[in-house]
Structures are given as structure tokens and as C-alpha cells.
Amino acid sequence: MTQETAFTHLAPSTLVHWLDTACELTLVDIRDPLSFSQGHIPGSQHLDNTSVAGLLERTPRERPMVVVCYHGHSSQQAANWLAGQGFSDVYSLDGGFTDWAARHPDRVES
């Protein structure tokens, strides 16, 4: 029995396009606080167990949500969970922040 995922894989090039066209989206980074503070995609917010309740409260469920982790693995589980919380358009960034920073060092802020 195969498990259907509730999220979509997102290529870094697609995220670049969305950011360049000011697409309205929610960008969440689930890496540890120190890693996030040392560098993250501009416009992203840190998401962990203490901030998830606020995210669920204030984020429109229909707005696209992109989940970022280190290498694009744990973001898939988080994206699946967020989709289960009623978010209709959830993505996991392929390659994670590590790949993003290597491809787009000019698109990292700390």
C-alpha cells in the first residue's frame, strides 16, 4: 500500500521565480535556531515546536506554504503534517537550504 503525500516537491528554480514575481506565500524554515540565524532565505520564518501554534493561528490556509530544512528530507514530513492541518498548497523545497545556499548565495540573509 503506497502512502499518498499531501505536499508537492518544489524545485529551487520555481521558488526563485515565485520570489522574483512577489508571489504571496508563506516560507517556513524548520532547521535549528542557530542555523537559521546564521543564514536563511529572505522572507522565511523559523518554525519549531514553540512557534507552530502561532503559525497555525495567523496563516491563511489557502496561501502557498514552502517548507525548508537542511537537505530537503525532514521538510517532507513537516510539509505532510502541515497539509494535514488544513493548508491546501504545501511544498517541500528540494535540496533544502544547503542546496539553496550553494546555488543562490546572493539570496541568503542572516
PDB file of N, CA and C in Angstrom:
ATOM      1  N   MET A   1       0.852  -1.179   0.000  1.00  0.00           N
ATOM      2  CA  MET A   1       0.000   0.000   0.000  1.00  0.00           C
ATOM      3  C   MET A   1       0.895   1.237   0.000  1.00  0.00           C
ATOM      4  N   THR A   2       0.717   2.098  -0.968  1.00  0.00           N
ATOM      5  CA  THR A   2       1.528   3.311  -1.032  1.00  0.00           C
ATOM      6  C   THR A   2       0.813   4.451  -0.322  1.00  0.00           C
ATOM      7  N   GLN A   3       1.610   5.243   0.367  1.00  0.00           N
ATOM      8  CA  GLN A   3       1.049   6.378   1.093  1.00  0.00           C
ATOM      9  C   GLN A   3       1.084   7.602   0.185  1.00  0.00           C
ATOM     10  N   GLU A   4      -0.046   8.238   0.016  1.00  0.00           N
ATOM     11  CA  GLU A   4      -0.111   9.429  -0.814  1.00  0.00           C
ATOM     12  C   GLU A   4       0.367  10.632   0.009  1.00  0.00           C
ATOM     13  N   THR A   5       1.208  11.447  -0.608  1.00  0.00           N
ATOM     14  CA  THR A   5       1.691  12.627   0.097  1.00  0.00           C
ATOM     15  C   THR A   5       0.752  13.796  -0.175  1.00  0.00           C
ATOM     16  N   ALA A   6       0.669  14.659   0.811  1.00  0.00           N
ATOM     17  CA  ALA A   6      -0.232  15.799   0.723  1.00  0.00           C
ATOM     18  C   ALA A   6       0.514  17.073   0.342  1.00  0.00           C
ATOM     19  N   PHE A   7       1.787  16.932  -0.008  1.00  0.00           N
ATOM     20  CA  PHE A   7       2.589  18.091  -0.380  1.00  0.00           C
ATOM     21  C   PHE A   7       3.188  17.857  -1.764  1.00  0.00           C
ATOM     22  N   THR A   8       3.815  18.885  -2.314  1.00  0.00           N
ATOM     23  CA  THR A   8       4.441  18.816  -3.626  1.00  0.00           C
ATOM     24  C   THR A   8       5.917  19.163  -3.486  1.00  0.00           C
ATOM     25  N   HIS A   9       6.762  18.463  -4.222  1.00  0.00           N
ATOM     26  CA  HIS A   9       8.181  18.819  -4.257  1.00  0.00           C
ATOM     27  C   HIS A   9       8.335  20.111  -5.048  1.00  0.00           C
ATOM     28  N   LEU A  10       9.215  20.993  -4.569  1.00  0.00           N
ATOM     29  CA  LEU A  10       9.403  22.284  -5.216  1.00  0.00           C
ATOM     30  C   LEU A  10      10.861  22.441  -5.643  1.00  0.00           C
ATOM     31  N   ALA A  11      11.074  22.690  -6.915  1.00  0.00           N
ATOM     32  CA  ALA A  11      12.424  22.922  -7.429  1.00  0.00           C
ATOM     33  C   ALA A  11      12.891  24.314  -7.003  1.00  0.00           C
ATOM     34  N   PRO A  12      14.180  24.458  -6.664  1.00  0.00           N
ATOM     35  CA  PRO A  12      14.700  25.778  -6.287  1.00  0.00           C
ATOM     36  C   PRO A  12      14.431  26.844  -7.358  1.00  0.00           C
ATOM     37  N   SER A  13      14.495  26.463  -8.628  1.00  0.00           N
ATOM     38  CA  SER A  13      14.247  27.439  -9.705  1.00  0.00           C
ATOM     39  C   SER A  13      12.823  27.986  -9.657  1.00  0.00           C
ATOM     40  N   THR A  14      11.873  27.153  -9.245  1.00  0.00           N
ATOM     41  CA  THR A  14      10.484  27.610  -9.121  1.00  0.00           C
ATOM     42  C   THR A  14      10.361  28.610  -7.975  1.00  0.00           C
ATOM     43  N   LEU A  15      11.036  28.324  -6.857  1.00  0.00           N
ATOM     44  CA  LEU A  15      10.993  29.264  -5.734  1.00  0.00           C
ATOM     45  C   LEU A  15      11.618  30.600  -6.130  1.00  0.00           C
ATOM     46  N   VAL A  16      12.711  30.570  -6.876  1.00  0.00           N
ATOM     47  CA  VAL A  16      13.330  31.816  -7.363  1.00  0.00           C
ATOM     48  C   VAL A  16      12.302  32.614  -8.156  1.00  0.00           C
ATOM     49  N   HIS A  17      11.594  31.947  -9.054  1.00  0.00           N
ATOM     50  CA  HIS A  17      10.576  32.620  -9.872  1.00  0.00           C
ATOM     51  C   HIS A  17       9.481  33.219  -8.990  1.00  0.00           C
ATOM     52  N   TRP A  18       9.001  32.450  -8.024  1.00  0.00           N
ATOM     53  CA  TRP A  18       7.956  32.949  -7.132  1.00  0.00           C
ATOM     54  C   TRP A  18       8.428  34.170  -6.354  1.00  0.00           C
ATOM     55  N   LEU A  19       9.663  34.126  -5.846  1.00  0.00           N
ATOM     56  CA  LEU A  19      10.186  35.255  -5.078  1.00  0.00           C
ATOM     57  C   LEU A  19      10.384  36.472  -5.980  1.00  0.00           C
ATOM     58  N   ASP A  20      10.846  36.246  -7.210  1.00  0.00           N
ATOM     59  CA  ASP A  20      11.066  37.350  -8.144  1.00  0.00           C
ATOM     60  C   ASP A  20       9.765  38.011  -8.585  1.00  0.00           C
ATOM     61  N   THR A  21       8.684  37.257  -8.608  1.00  0.00           N
ATOM     62  CA  THR A  21       7.394  37.804  -9.027  1.00  0.00           C
ATOM     63  C   THR A  21       6.533  38.201  -7.833  1.00  0.00           C
ATOM     64  N   ALA A  22       7.142  38.227  -6.641  1.00  0.00           N
ATOM     65  CA  ALA A  22       6.455  38.625  -5.406  1.00  0.00           C
ATOM     66  C   ALA A  22       5.183  37.825  -5.171  1.00  0.00           C
ATOM     67  N   CYS A  23       5.244  36.549  -5.502  1.00  0.00           N
ATOM     68  CA  CYS A  23       4.129  35.636  -5.240  1.00  0.00           C
ATOM     69  C   CYS A  23       3.876  35.623  -3.733  1.00  0.00           C
ATOM     70  N   GLU A  24       2.627  35.728  -3.346  1.00  0.00           N
ATOM     71  CA  GLU A  24       2.300  35.721  -1.923  1.00  0.00           C
ATOM     72  C   GLU A  24       2.383  34.288  -1.409  1.00  0.00           C
ATOM     73  N   LEU A  25       3.337  34.042  -0.506  1.00  0.00           N
ATOM     74  CA  LEU A  25       3.499  32.705   0.041  1.00  0.00           C
ATOM     75  C   LEU A  25       4.034  32.782   1.461  1.00  0.00           C
ATOM     76  N   THR A  26       3.932  31.679   2.150  1.00  0.00           N
ATOM     77  CA  THR A  26       4.495  31.557   3.490  1.00  0.00           C
ATOM     78  C   THR A  26       5.708  30.647   3.376  1.00  0.00           C
ATOM     79  N   LEU A  27       6.857  31.139   3.830  1.00  0.00           N
ATOM     80  CA  LEU A  27       8.111  30.404   3.734  1.00  0.00           C
ATOM     81  C   LEU A  27       8.565  30.083   5.150  1.00  0.00           C
ATOM     82  N   VAL A  28       8.603  28.788   5.498  1.00  0.00           N
ATOM     83  CA  VAL A  28       8.994  28.391   6.849  1.00  0.00           C
ATOM     84  C   VAL A  28      10.250  27.527   6.808  1.00  0.00           C
ATOM     85  N   ASP A  29      11.134  27.759   7.769  1.00  0.00           N
ATOM     86  CA  ASP A  29      12.419  27.076   7.866  1.00  0.00           C
ATOM     87  C   ASP A  29      12.423  26.291   9.161  1.00  0.00           C
ATOM     88  N   ILE A  30      12.572  24.977   9.075  1.00  0.00           N
ATOM     89  CA  ILE A  30      12.470  24.127  10.263  1.00  0.00           C
ATOM     90  C   ILE A  30      13.834  23.705  10.818  1.00  0.00           C
ATOM     91  N   ARG A  31      14.914  24.311  10.319  1.00  0.00           N
ATOM     92  CA  ARG A  31      16.242  23.982  10.864  1.00  0.00           C
ATOM     93  C   ARG A  31      16.374  24.547  12.281  1.00  0.00           C
ATOM     94  N   ASP A  32      17.439  24.185  12.961  1.00  0.00           N
ATOM     95  CA  ASP A  32      17.609  24.648  14.342  1.00  0.00           C
ATOM     96  C   ASP A  32      17.815  26.167  14.377  1.00  0.00           C
ATOM     97  N   PRO A  33      17.511  26.819  15.503  1.00  0.00           N
ATOM     98  CA  PRO A  33      17.572  28.283  15.595  1.00  0.00           C
ATOM     99  C   PRO A  33      18.938  28.873  15.238  1.00  0.00           C
ATOM    100  N   LEU A  34      20.016  28.225  15.629  1.00  0.00           N
ATOM    101  CA  LEU A  34      21.345  28.751  15.329  1.00  0.00           C
ATOM    102  C   LEU A  34      21.598  28.740  13.819  1.00  0.00           C
ATOM    103  N   SER A  35      21.288  27.637  13.165  1.00  0.00           N
ATOM    104  CA  SER A  35      21.466  27.553  11.716  1.00  0.00           C
ATOM    105  C   SER A  35      20.631  28.617  11.012  1.00  0.00           C
ATOM    106  N   PHE A  36      19.377  28.784  11.465  1.00  0.00           N
ATOM    107  CA  PHE A  36      18.500  29.792  10.868  1.00  0.00           C
ATOM    108  C   PHE A  36      19.100  31.192  11.030  1.00  0.00           C
ATOM    109  N   SER A  37      19.620  31.487  12.230  1.00  0.00           N
ATOM    110  CA  SER A  37      20.170  32.825  12.483  1.00  0.00           C
ATOM    111  C   SER A  37      21.438  33.078  11.671  1.00  0.00           C
ATOM    112  N   GLN A  38      22.150  32.020  11.314  1.00  0.00           N
ATOM    113  CA  GLN A  38      23.388  32.173  10.544  1.00  0.00           C
ATOM    114  C   GLN A  38      23.119  32.339   9.053  1.00  0.00           C
ATOM    115  N   GLY A  39      21.919  32.003   8.612  1.00  0.00           N
ATOM    116  CA  GLY A  39      21.575  32.182   7.212  1.00  0.00           C
ATOM    117  C   GLY A  39      20.261  31.522   6.878  1.00  0.00           C
ATOM    118  N   HIS A  40      19.409  32.245   6.127  1.00  0.00           N
ATOM    119  CA  HIS A  40      18.123  31.701   5.700  1.00  0.00           C
ATOM    120  C   HIS A  40      17.669  32.429   4.434  1.00  0.00           C
ATOM    121  N   ILE A  41      16.652  31.897   3.804  1.00  0.00           N
ATOM    122  CA  ILE A  41      16.090  32.522   2.613  1.00  0.00           C
ATOM    123  C   ILE A  41      15.332  33.766   3.059  1.00  0.00           C
ATOM    124  N   PRO A  42      15.589  34.925   2.423  1.00  0.00           N
ATOM    125  CA  PRO A  42      14.889  36.154   2.815  1.00  0.00           C
ATOM    126  C   PRO A  42      13.369  35.953   2.805  1.00  0.00           C
ATOM    127  N   GLY A  43      12.731  36.448   3.847  1.00  0.00           N
ATOM    128  CA  GLY A  43      11.279  36.336   3.960  1.00  0.00           C
ATOM    129  C   GLY A  43      10.811  35.098   4.695  1.00  0.00           C
ATOM    130  N   SER A  44      11.748  34.198   5.015  1.00  0.00           N
ATOM    131  CA  SER A  44      11.328  32.983   5.711  1.00  0.00           C
ATOM    132  C   SER A  44      11.237  33.229   7.208  1.00  0.00           C
ATOM    133  N   GLN A  45      10.424  32.418   7.851  1.00  0.00           N
ATOM    134  CA  GLN A  45      10.287  32.491   9.301  1.00  0.00           C
ATOM    135  C   GLN A  45      10.698  31.152   9.889  1.00  0.00           C
ATOM    136  N   HIS A  46      11.304  31.222  11.073  1.00  0.00           N
ATOM    137  CA  HIS A  46      11.732  29.997  11.737  1.00  0.00           C
ATOM    138  C   HIS A  46      10.513  29.303  12.320  1.00  0.00           C
ATOM    139  N   LEU A  47      10.425  28.013  12.114  1.00  0.00           N
ATOM    140  CA  LEU A  47       9.302  27.238  12.629  1.00  0.00           C
ATOM    141  C   LEU A  47       9.827  26.097  13.480  1.00  0.00           C
ATOM    142  N   ASP A  48       9.375  26.052  14.725  1.00  0.00           N
ATOM    143  CA  ASP A  48       9.710  24.943  15.617  1.00  0.00           C
ATOM    144  C   ASP A  48       8.508  24.673  16.514  1.00  0.00           C
ATOM    145  N   ASN A  49       8.693  23.803  17.495  1.00  0.00           N
ATOM    146  CA  ASN A  49       7.568  23.427  18.356  1.00  0.00           C
ATOM    147  C   ASN A  49       6.963  24.609  19.106  1.00  0.00           C
ATOM    148  N   THR A  50       7.767  25.648  19.404  1.00  0.00           N
ATOM    149  CA  THR A  50       7.233  26.779  20.146  1.00  0.00           C
ATOM    150  C   THR A  50       6.521  27.787  19.247  1.00  0.00           C
ATOM    151  N   SER A  51       6.855  27.828  17.957  1.00  0.00           N
ATOM    152  CA  SER A  51       6.231  28.833  17.081  1.00  0.00           C
ATOM    153  C   SER A  51       5.120  28.259  16.189  1.00  0.00           C
ATOM    154  N   VAL A  52       4.942  26.952  16.214  1.00  0.00           N
ATOM    155  CA  VAL A  52       3.970  26.347  15.301  1.00  0.00           C
ATOM    156  C   VAL A  52       2.532  26.767  15.616  1.00  0.00           C
ATOM    157  N   ALA A  53       2.193  26.929  16.890  1.00  0.00           N
ATOM    158  CA  ALA A  53       0.818  27.318  17.242  1.00  0.00           C
ATOM    159  C   ALA A  53       0.483  28.685  16.649  1.00  0.00           C
ATOM    160  N   GLY A  54       1.419  29.635  16.736  1.00  0.00           N
ATOM    161  CA  GLY A  54       1.202  30.960  16.158  1.00  0.00           C
ATOM    162  C   GLY A  54       1.049  30.904  14.654  1.00  0.00           C
ATOM    163  N   LEU A  55       1.852  30.066  14.007  1.00  0.00           N
ATOM    164  CA  LEU A  55       1.747  29.907  12.559  1.00  0.00           C
ATOM    165  C   LEU A  55       0.366  29.382  12.191  1.00  0.00           C
ATOM    166  N   LEU A  56      -0.102  28.373  12.913  1.00  0.00           N
ATOM    167  CA  LEU A  56      -1.412  27.793  12.624  1.00  0.00           C
ATOM    168  C   LEU A  56      -2.523  28.812  12.833  1.00  0.00           C
ATOM    169  N   GLU A  57      -2.357  29.687  13.822  1.00  0.00           N
ATOM    170  CA  GLU A  57      -3.369  30.705  14.123  1.00  0.00           C
ATOM    171  C   GLU A  57      -3.457  31.791  13.063  1.00  0.00           C
ATOM    172  N   ARG A  58      -2.305  32.283  12.597  1.00  0.00           N
ATOM    173  CA  ARG A  58      -2.317  33.511  11.797  1.00  0.00           C
ATOM    174  C   ARG A  58      -2.111  33.325  10.292  1.00  0.00           C
ATOM    175  N   THR A  59      -1.830  32.120   9.830  1.00  0.00           N
ATOM    176  CA  THR A  59      -1.525  31.934   8.421  1.00  0.00           C
ATOM    177  C   THR A  59      -2.738  31.457   7.640  1.00  0.00           C
ATOM    178  N   PRO A  60      -3.100  32.181   6.571  1.00  0.00           N
ATOM    179  CA  PRO A  60      -4.238  31.737   5.743  1.00  0.00           C
ATOM    180  C   PRO A  60      -3.978  30.340   5.173  1.00  0.00           C
ATOM    181  N   ARG A  61      -4.953  29.453   5.296  1.00  0.00           N
ATOM    182  CA  ARG A  61      -4.795  28.058   4.865  1.00  0.00           C
ATOM    183  C   ARG A  61      -4.654  27.929   3.350  1.00  0.00           C
ATOM    184  N   GLU A  62      -5.159  28.913   2.601  1.00  0.00           N
ATOM    185  CA  GLU A  62      -5.114  28.807   1.139  1.00  0.00           C
ATOM    186  C   GLU A  62      -3.825  29.375   0.542  1.00  0.00           C
ATOM    187  N   ARG A  63      -3.021  30.074   1.336  1.00  0.00           N
ATOM    188  CA  ARG A  63      -1.773  30.639   0.828  1.00  0.00           C
ATOM    189  C   ARG A  63      -0.732  29.530   0.649  1.00  0.00           C
ATOM    190  N   PRO A  64      -0.018  29.518  -0.482  1.00  0.00           N
ATOM    191  CA  PRO A  64       1.033  28.513  -0.664  1.00  0.00           C
ATOM    192  C   PRO A  64       2.059  28.583   0.466  1.00  0.00           C
ATOM    193  N   MET A  65       2.487  27.411   0.938  1.00  0.00           N
ATOM    194  CA  MET A  65       3.466  27.332   2.020  1.00  0.00           C
ATOM    195  C   MET A  65       4.644  26.476   1.558  1.00  0.00           C
ATOM    196  N   VAL A  66       5.854  27.027   1.700  1.00  0.00           N
ATOM    197  CA  VAL A  66       7.070  26.306   1.330  1.00  0.00           C
ATOM    198  C   VAL A  66       7.846  25.987   2.603  1.00  0.00           C
ATOM    199  N   VAL A  67       8.186  24.708   2.796  1.00  0.00           N
ATOM    200  CA  VAL A  67       8.918  24.257   3.970  1.00  0.00           C
ATOM    201  C   VAL A  67      10.369  23.973   3.571  1.00  0.00           C
ATOM    202  N   VAL A  68      11.302  24.523   4.365  1.00  0.00           N
ATOM    203  CA  VAL A  68      12.734  24.390   4.100  1.00  0.00           C
ATOM    204  C   VAL A  68      13.401  23.712   5.295  1.00  0.00           C
ATOM    205  N   CYS A  69      14.287  22.754   5.014  1.00  0.00           N
ATOM    206  CA  CYS A  69      15.101  22.137   6.059  1.00  0.00           C
ATOM    207  C   CYS A  69      16.552  22.157   5.576  1.00  0.00           C
ATOM    208  N   TYR A  70      17.373  21.277   6.086  1.00  0.00           N
ATOM    209  CA  TYR A  70      18.794  21.250   5.685  1.00  0.00           C
ATOM    210  C   TYR A  70      18.989  20.732   4.260  1.00  0.00           C
ATOM    211  N   HIS A  71      18.445  19.530   3.981  1.00  0.00           N
ATOM    212  CA  HIS A  71      18.723  18.868   2.707  1.00  0.00           C
ATOM    213  C   HIS A  71      17.468  18.454   1.939  1.00  0.00           C
ATOM    214  N   GLY A  72      16.296  18.848   2.414  1.00  0.00           N
ATOM    215  CA  GLY A  72      15.066  18.513   1.708  1.00  0.00           C
ATOM    216  C   GLY A  72      14.432  17.201   2.124  1.00  0.00           C
ATOM    217  N   HIS A  73      14.854  16.645   3.262  1.00  0.00           N
ATOM    218  CA  HIS A  73      14.274  15.384   3.719  1.00  0.00           C
ATOM    219  C   HIS A  73      13.241  15.590   4.825  1.00  0.00           C
ATOM    220  N   SER A  74      13.660  16.193   5.953  1.00  0.00           N
ATOM    221  CA  SER A  74      12.715  16.380   7.054  1.00  0.00           C
ATOM    222  C   SER A  74      11.616  17.378   6.695  1.00  0.00           C
ATOM    223  N   SER A  75      11.873  18.250   5.716  1.00  0.00           N
ATOM    224  CA  SER A  75      10.827  19.186   5.287  1.00  0.00           C
ATOM    225  C   SER A  75       9.649  18.438   4.666  1.00  0.00           C
ATOM    226  N   GLN A  76       9.902  17.264   4.112  1.00  0.00           N
ATOM    227  CA  GLN A  76       8.805  16.489   3.519  1.00  0.00           C
ATOM    228  C   GLN A  76       7.823  16.032   4.594  1.00  0.00           C
ATOM    229  N   GLN A  77       8.357  15.567   5.726  1.00  0.00           N
ATOM    230  CA  GLN A  77       7.481  15.143   6.822  1.00  0.00           C
ATOM    231  C   GLN A  77       6.730  16.336   7.400  1.00  0.00           C
ATOM    232  N   ALA A  78       7.436  17.469   7.558  1.00  0.00           N
ATOM    233  CA  ALA A  78       6.786  18.673   8.085  1.00  0.00           C
ATOM    234  C   ALA A  78       5.714  19.170   7.117  1.00  0.00           C
ATOM    235  N   ALA A  79       6.010  19.141   5.824  1.00  0.00           N
ATOM    236  CA  ALA A  79       5.037  19.584   4.824  1.00  0.00           C
ATOM    237  C   ALA A  79       3.797  18.700   4.848  1.00  0.00           C
ATOM    238  N   ASN A  80       4.006  17.413   4.980  1.00  0.00           N
ATOM    239  CA  ASN A  80       2.886  16.478   5.056  1.00  0.00           C
ATOM    240  C   ASN A  80       2.031  16.776   6.280  1.00  0.00           C
ATOM    241  N   TRP A  81       2.684  17.046   7.414  1.00  0.00           N
ATOM    242  CA  TRP A  81       1.962  17.360   8.649  1.00  0.00           C
ATOM    243  C   TRP A  81       1.183  18.667   8.492  1.00  0.00           C
ATOM    244  N   LEU A  82       1.818  19.692   7.916  1.00  0.00           N
ATOM    245  CA  LEU A  82       1.138  20.982   7.729  1.00  0.00           C
ATOM    246  C   LEU A  82      -0.062  20.842   6.795  1.00  0.00           C
ATOM    247  N   ALA A  83       0.072  20.021   5.772  1.00  0.00           N
ATOM    248  CA  ALA A  83      -1.069  19.773   4.884  1.00  0.00           C
ATOM    249  C   ALA A  83      -2.214  19.143   5.671  1.00  0.00           C
ATOM    250  N   GLY A  84      -1.862  18.283   6.625  1.00  0.00           N
ATOM    251  CA  GLY A  84      -2.869  17.661   7.483  1.00  0.00           C
ATOM    252  C   GLY A  84      -3.538  18.645   8.426  1.00  0.00           C
ATOM    253  N   GLN A  85      -2.934  19.826   8.615  1.00  0.00           N
ATOM    254  CA  GLN A  85      -3.520  20.871   9.462  1.00  0.00           C
ATOM    255  C   GLN A  85      -4.434  21.796   8.651  1.00  0.00           C
ATOM    256  N   GLY A  86      -4.653  21.457   7.392  1.00  0.00           N
ATOM    257  CA  GLY A  86      -5.610  22.210   6.585  1.00  0.00           C
ATOM    258  C   GLY A  86      -4.998  23.151   5.561  1.00  0.00           C
ATOM    259  N   PHE A  87      -3.678  23.194   5.466  1.00  0.00           N
ATOM    260  CA  PHE A  87      -3.059  24.028   4.431  1.00  0.00           C
ATOM    261  C   PHE A  87      -3.214  23.299   3.098  1.00  0.00           C
ATOM    262  N   SER A  88      -3.730  24.015   2.109  1.00  0.00           N
ATOM    263  CA  SER A  88      -4.115  23.348   0.867  1.00  0.00           C
ATOM    264  C   SER A  88      -3.004  23.251  -0.163  1.00  0.00           C
ATOM    265  N   ASP A  89      -1.966  24.066  -0.039  1.00  0.00           N
ATOM    266  CA  ASP A  89      -0.953  24.175  -1.083  1.00  0.00           C
ATOM    267  C   ASP A  89       0.432  24.175  -0.430  1.00  0.00           C
ATOM    268  N   VAL A  90       0.937  22.978  -0.063  1.00  0.00           N
ATOM    269  CA  VAL A  90       2.173  22.873   0.715  1.00  0.00           C
ATOM    270  C   VAL A  90       3.280  22.251  -0.130  1.00  0.00           C
ATOM    271  N   TYR A  91       4.481  22.833  -0.020  1.00  0.00           N
ATOM    272  CA  TYR A  91       5.635  22.392  -0.808  1.00  0.00           C
ATOM    273  C   TYR A  91       6.826  22.118   0.098  1.00  0.00           C
ATOM    274  N   SER A  92       7.657  21.172  -0.317  1.00  0.00           N
ATOM    275  CA  SER A  92       8.939  20.901   0.328  1.00  0.00           C
ATOM    276  C   SER A  92      10.025  21.294  -0.674  1.00  0.00           C
ATOM    277  N   LEU A  93      10.932  22.185  -0.249  1.00  0.00           N
ATOM    278  CA  LEU A  93      11.989  22.655  -1.147  1.00  0.00           C
ATOM    279  C   LEU A  93      13.016  21.551  -1.379  1.00  0.00           C
ATOM    280  N   ASP A  94      13.122  21.096  -2.611  1.00  0.00           N
ATOM    281  CA  ASP A  94      14.090  20.058  -2.961  1.00  0.00           C
ATOM    282  C   ASP A  94      15.510  20.559  -2.724  1.00  0.00           C
ATOM    283  N   GLY A  95      16.324  19.721  -2.078  1.00  0.00           N
ATOM    284  CA  GLY A  95      17.715  20.076  -1.801  1.00  0.00           C
ATOM    285  C   GLY A  95      17.901  20.874  -0.535  1.00  0.00           C
ATOM    286  N   GLY A  96      16.810  21.407   0.007  1.00  0.00           N
ATOM    287  CA  GLY A  96      16.866  22.155   1.256  1.00  0.00           C
ATOM    288  C   GLY A  96      17.715  23.417   1.186  1.00  0.00           C
ATOM    289  N   PHE A  97      17.987  23.953   2.365  1.00  0.00           N
ATOM    290  CA  PHE A  97      18.743  25.203   2.445  1.00  0.00           C
ATOM    291  C   PHE A  97      20.179  25.032   1.969  1.00  0.00           C
ATOM    292  N   THR A  98      20.772  23.868   2.213  1.00  0.00           N
ATOM    293  CA  THR A  98      22.162  23.626   1.809  1.00  0.00           C
ATOM    294  C   THR A  98      22.310  23.814   0.303  1.00  0.00           C
ATOM    295  N   ASP A  99      21.415  23.203  -0.457  1.00  0.00           N
ATOM    296  CA  ASP A  99      21.443  23.328  -1.917  1.00  0.00           C
ATOM    297  C   ASP A  99      21.121  24.762  -2.338  1.00  0.00           C
ATOM    298  N   TRP A 100      20.128  25.368  -1.676  1.00  0.00           N
ATOM    299  CA  TRP A 100      19.741  26.745  -1.992  1.00  0.00           C
ATOM    300  C   TRP A 100      20.934  27.692  -1.821  1.00  0.00           C
ATOM    301  N   ALA A 101      21.635  27.593  -0.700  1.00  0.00           N
ATOM    302  CA  ALA A 101      22.763  28.482  -0.417  1.00  0.00           C
ATOM    303  C   ALA A 101      23.895  28.286  -1.429  1.00  0.00           C
ATOM    304  N   ALA A 102      24.093  27.044  -1.885  1.00  0.00           N
ATOM    305  CA  ALA A 102      25.135  26.771  -2.876  1.00  0.00           C
ATOM    306  C   ALA A 102      24.756  27.359  -4.242  1.00  0.00           C
ATOM    307  N   ARG A 103      23.473  27.262  -4.603  1.00  0.00           N
ATOM    308  CA  ARG A 103      23.003  27.766  -5.896  1.00  0.00           C
ATOM    309  C   ARG A 103      22.808  29.286  -5.893  1.00  0.00           C
ATOM    310  N   HIS A 104      22.355  29.809  -4.770  1.00  0.00           N
ATOM    311  CA  HIS A 104      21.941  31.223  -4.695  1.00  0.00           C
ATOM    312  C   HIS A 104      22.539  31.918  -3.474  1.00  0.00           C
ATOM    313  N   PRO A 105      23.874  32.018  -3.398  1.00  0.00           N
ATOM    314  CA  PRO A 105      24.480  32.659  -2.220  1.00  0.00           C
ATOM    315  C   PRO A 105      24.057  34.125  -2.046  1.00  0.00           C
ATOM    316  N   ASP A 106      23.630  34.743  -3.128  1.00  0.00           N
ATOM    317  CA  ASP A 106      23.139  36.124  -3.070  1.00  0.00           C
ATOM    318  C   ASP A 106      21.719  36.214  -2.513  1.00  0.00           C
ATOM    319  N   ARG A 107      21.083  35.077  -2.314  1.00  0.00           N
ATOM    320  CA  ARG A 107      19.713  35.035  -1.803  1.00  0.00           C
ATOM    321  C   ARG A 107      19.670  34.378  -0.423  1.00  0.00           C
ATOM    322  N   VAL A 108      20.670  34.707   0.395  1.00  0.00           N
ATOM    323  CA  VAL A 108      20.735  34.213   1.776  1.00  0.00           C
ATOM    324  C   VAL A 108      20.931  35.430   2.671  1.00  0.00           C
ATOM    325  N   GLU A 109      20.142  35.524   3.729  1.00  0.00           N
ATOM    326  CA  GLU A 109      20.334  36.613   4.685  1.00  0.00           C
ATOM    327  C   GLU A 109      20.502  36.026   6.063  1.00  0.00           C
ATOM    328  N   SER A 110      21.182  36.801   6.930  1.00  0.00           N
ATOM    329  CA  SER A 110      21.364  36.337   8.305  1.00  0.00           C
ATOM    330  C   SER A 110      20.912  37.416   9.266  1.00  0.00           C
TER     331      SER A 110
END
